[in-house]
Amino acid sequence: MIPQTYTSQQAELLAIKVLEWIATNHNLFGAFLNMTGSTKESISENIANVEFLASVLDFFLLQNDRVIQECCEALSVAPEDPLKARRALPGGEEVNWT
């Protein structure tokens, strides 16, 4: 069952799964390390840090639709789930400008 909204714990678990998937793609993982300033060592140190996990989803959501679709299919989640998960983590609140 796909949650309508994510709890922070569910969002953290999805972010970890997304990170594991990113790590299986050499080019994407290299881009992640470059764009976030992370290292393999810092990932191990920060895996339980909710802000770091939010940055994983931020990076992922900036990818093209094909990459997002491939990952969601591999993880058996709906394509909108990473955004739902991101909203459950710090800084992910939906902004209403009106």
C-alpha atoms as a PDB file:
ATOM      1  CA  MET A   1       0.000   0.000   0.000  1.00  0.00           C
ATOM      2  CA  ILE A   2       1.351   3.407  -0.996  1.00  0.00           C
ATOM      3  CA  PRO A   3       0.960   6.053   1.691  1.00  0.00           C
ATOM      4  CA  GLN A   4      -0.942   9.226   0.805  1.00  0.00           C
ATOM      5  CA  THR A   5       1.533  11.129   2.936  1.00  0.00           C
ATOM      6  CA  TYR A   6       4.807  10.012   4.423  1.00  0.00           C
ATOM      7  CA  THR A   7       5.836  10.093   8.035  1.00  0.00           C
ATOM      8  CA  SER A   8       9.350  11.287   8.629  1.00  0.00           C
ATOM      9  CA  GLN A   9      10.435   7.708   9.385  1.00  0.00           C
ATOM     10  CA  GLN A  10       8.933   6.417   6.113  1.00  0.00           C
ATOM     11  CA  ALA A  11      10.573   9.305   4.246  1.00  0.00           C
ATOM     12  CA  GLU A  12      13.958   8.543   5.778  1.00  0.00           C
ATOM     13  CA  LEU A  13      13.678   4.890   4.763  1.00  0.00           C
ATOM     14  CA  LEU A  14      12.769   5.827   1.190  1.00  0.00           C
ATOM     15  CA  ALA A  15      15.687   8.277   1.030  1.00  0.00           C
ATOM     16  CA  ILE A  16      18.068   5.502   2.120  1.00  0.00           C
ATOM     17  CA  LYS A  17      16.666   3.191  -0.575  1.00  0.00           C
ATOM     18  CA  VAL A  18      17.042   5.953  -3.162  1.00  0.00           C
ATOM     19  CA  LEU A  19      20.646   6.518  -2.058  1.00  0.00           C
ATOM     20  CA  GLU A  20      21.369   2.800  -2.364  1.00  0.00           C
ATOM     21  CA  TRP A  21      19.921   2.872  -5.883  1.00  0.00           C
ATOM     22  CA  ILE A  22      21.956   5.963  -6.808  1.00  0.00           C
ATOM     23  CA  ALA A  23      25.098   4.194  -5.572  1.00  0.00           C
ATOM     24  CA  THR A  24      24.536   1.380  -8.097  1.00  0.00           C
ATOM     25  CA  ASN A  25      24.899   3.840 -10.997  1.00  0.00           C
ATOM     26  CA  HIS A  26      28.524   4.951 -11.289  1.00  0.00           C
ATOM     27  CA  ASN A  27      27.831   8.185 -13.211  1.00  0.00           C
ATOM     28  CA  LEU A  28      24.873   9.198 -11.071  1.00  0.00           C
ATOM     29  CA  PHE A  29      26.731   8.416  -7.859  1.00  0.00           C
ATOM     30  CA  GLY A  30      29.689  10.482  -9.034  1.00  0.00           C
ATOM     31  CA  ALA A  31      27.354  13.386  -9.781  1.00  0.00           C
ATOM     32  CA  PHE A  32      25.780  12.987  -6.336  1.00  0.00           C
ATOM     33  CA  LEU A  33      29.191  13.121  -4.647  1.00  0.00           C
ATOM     34  CA  ASN A  34      30.211  16.169  -6.687  1.00  0.00           C
ATOM     35  CA  MET A  35      26.975  18.103  -6.257  1.00  0.00           C
ATOM     36  CA  THR A  36      26.579  17.445  -2.532  1.00  0.00           C
ATOM     37  CA  GLY A  37      30.235  17.567  -1.551  1.00  0.00           C
ATOM     38  CA  SER A  38      29.807  14.154   0.025  1.00  0.00           C
ATOM     39  CA  THR A  39      32.361  11.392   0.155  1.00  0.00           C
ATOM     40  CA  LYS A  40      31.823   7.678   0.665  1.00  0.00           C
ATOM     41  CA  GLU A  41      33.041   8.159   4.223  1.00  0.00           C
ATOM     42  CA  SER A  42      30.763  11.109   4.946  1.00  0.00           C
ATOM     43  CA  ILE A  43      27.782   9.154   3.645  1.00  0.00           C
ATOM     44  CA  SER A  44      28.464   6.456   6.217  1.00  0.00           C
ATOM     45  CA  GLU A  45      28.771   9.084   8.929  1.00  0.00           C
ATOM     46  CA  ASN A  46      25.595  10.958   7.887  1.00  0.00           C
ATOM     47  CA  ILE A  47      23.232   8.153   6.905  1.00  0.00           C
ATOM     48  CA  ALA A  48      21.145   8.749  10.061  1.00  0.00           C
ATOM     49  CA  ASN A  49      21.127  12.545   9.606  1.00  0.00           C
ATOM     50  CA  VAL A  50      17.697  13.673   8.458  1.00  0.00           C
ATOM     51  CA  GLU A  51      19.084  16.773   6.707  1.00  0.00           C
ATOM     52  CA  PHE A  52      21.489  14.599   4.724  1.00  0.00           C
ATOM     53  CA  LEU A  53      18.637  12.292   3.724  1.00  0.00           C
ATOM     54  CA  ALA A  54      16.654  15.345   2.621  1.00  0.00           C
ATOM     55  CA  SER A  55      19.605  16.317   0.398  1.00  0.00           C
ATOM     56  CA  VAL A  56      19.531  12.832  -1.152  1.00  0.00           C
ATOM     57  CA  LEU A  57      15.912  13.348  -2.168  1.00  0.00           C
ATOM     58  CA  ASP A  58      16.633  16.929  -3.319  1.00  0.00           C
ATOM     59  CA  PHE A  59      19.377  15.630  -5.617  1.00  0.00           C
ATOM     60  CA  PHE A  60      17.195  12.799  -6.864  1.00  0.00           C
ATOM     61  CA  LEU A  61      14.196  15.016  -7.616  1.00  0.00           C
ATOM     62  CA  LEU A  62      16.396  17.227  -9.818  1.00  0.00           C
ATOM     63  CA  GLN A  63      17.136  14.310 -12.143  1.00  0.00           C
ATOM     64  CA  ASN A  64      15.367  13.780 -15.429  1.00  0.00           C
ATOM     65  CA  ASP A  65      12.111  11.874 -15.607  1.00  0.00           C
ATOM     66  CA  ARG A  66      13.763   8.749 -17.024  1.00  0.00           C
ATOM     67  CA  VAL A  67      16.093   8.415 -14.031  1.00  0.00           C
ATOM     68  CA  ILE A  68      13.269   9.008 -11.569  1.00  0.00           C
ATOM     69  CA  GLN A  69      11.064   6.465 -13.335  1.00  0.00           C
ATOM     70  CA  GLU A  70      13.845   3.826 -13.395  1.00  0.00           C
ATOM     71  CA  CYS A  71      14.494   4.239  -9.692  1.00  0.00           C
ATOM     72  CA  CYS A  72      10.826   4.193  -8.736  1.00  0.00           C
ATOM     73  CA  GLU A  73      10.290   1.051 -10.775  1.00  0.00           C
ATOM     74  CA  ALA A  74      13.308  -0.610  -9.144  1.00  0.00           C
ATOM     75  CA  LEU A  75      12.037   0.348  -5.682  1.00  0.00           C
ATOM     76  CA  SER A  76       8.402  -0.505  -6.497  1.00  0.00           C
ATOM     77  CA  VAL A  77       7.138   2.945  -5.536  1.00  0.00           C
ATOM     78  CA  ALA A  78       4.989   5.404  -7.446  1.00  0.00           C
ATOM     79  CA  PRO A  79       6.830   8.223  -9.253  1.00  0.00           C
ATOM     80  CA  GLU A  80       5.227  10.809  -6.959  1.00  0.00           C
ATOM     81  CA  ASP A  81       6.396   9.073  -3.775  1.00  0.00           C
ATOM     82  CA  PRO A  82       9.875  10.657  -3.605  1.00  0.00           C
ATOM     83  CA  LEU A  83       8.259  14.118  -3.602  1.00  0.00           C
ATOM     84  CA  LYS A  84       5.781  13.024  -0.932  1.00  0.00           C
ATOM     85  CA  ALA A  85       8.704  11.725   1.107  1.00  0.00           C
ATOM     86  CA  ARG A  86      10.684  14.938   0.613  1.00  0.00           C
ATOM     87  CA  ARG A  87       7.774  16.959   1.967  1.00  0.00           C
ATOM     88  CA  ALA A  88       7.956  14.946   5.201  1.00  0.00           C
ATOM     89  CA  LEU A  89      11.579  15.935   5.863  1.00  0.00           C
ATOM     90  CA  PRO A  90      12.949  19.280   7.097  1.00  0.00           C
ATOM     91  CA  GLY A  91      12.742  22.012   4.472  1.00  0.00           C
ATOM     92  CA  GLY A  92      10.295  20.082   2.336  1.00  0.00           C
ATOM     93  CA  GLU A  93       7.139  21.930   3.225  1.00  0.00           C
ATOM     94  CA  GLU A  94       4.995  22.892   0.258  1.00  0.00           C
ATOM     95  CA  VAL A  95       5.099  26.651  -0.290  1.00  0.00           C
ATOM     96  CA  ASN A  96       1.918  28.503  -1.168  1.00  0.00           C
ATOM     97  CA  TRP A  97       2.771  31.952  -2.518  1.00  0.00           C
ATOM     98  CA  THR A  98      -0.805  33.253  -2.651  1.00  0.00           C
END
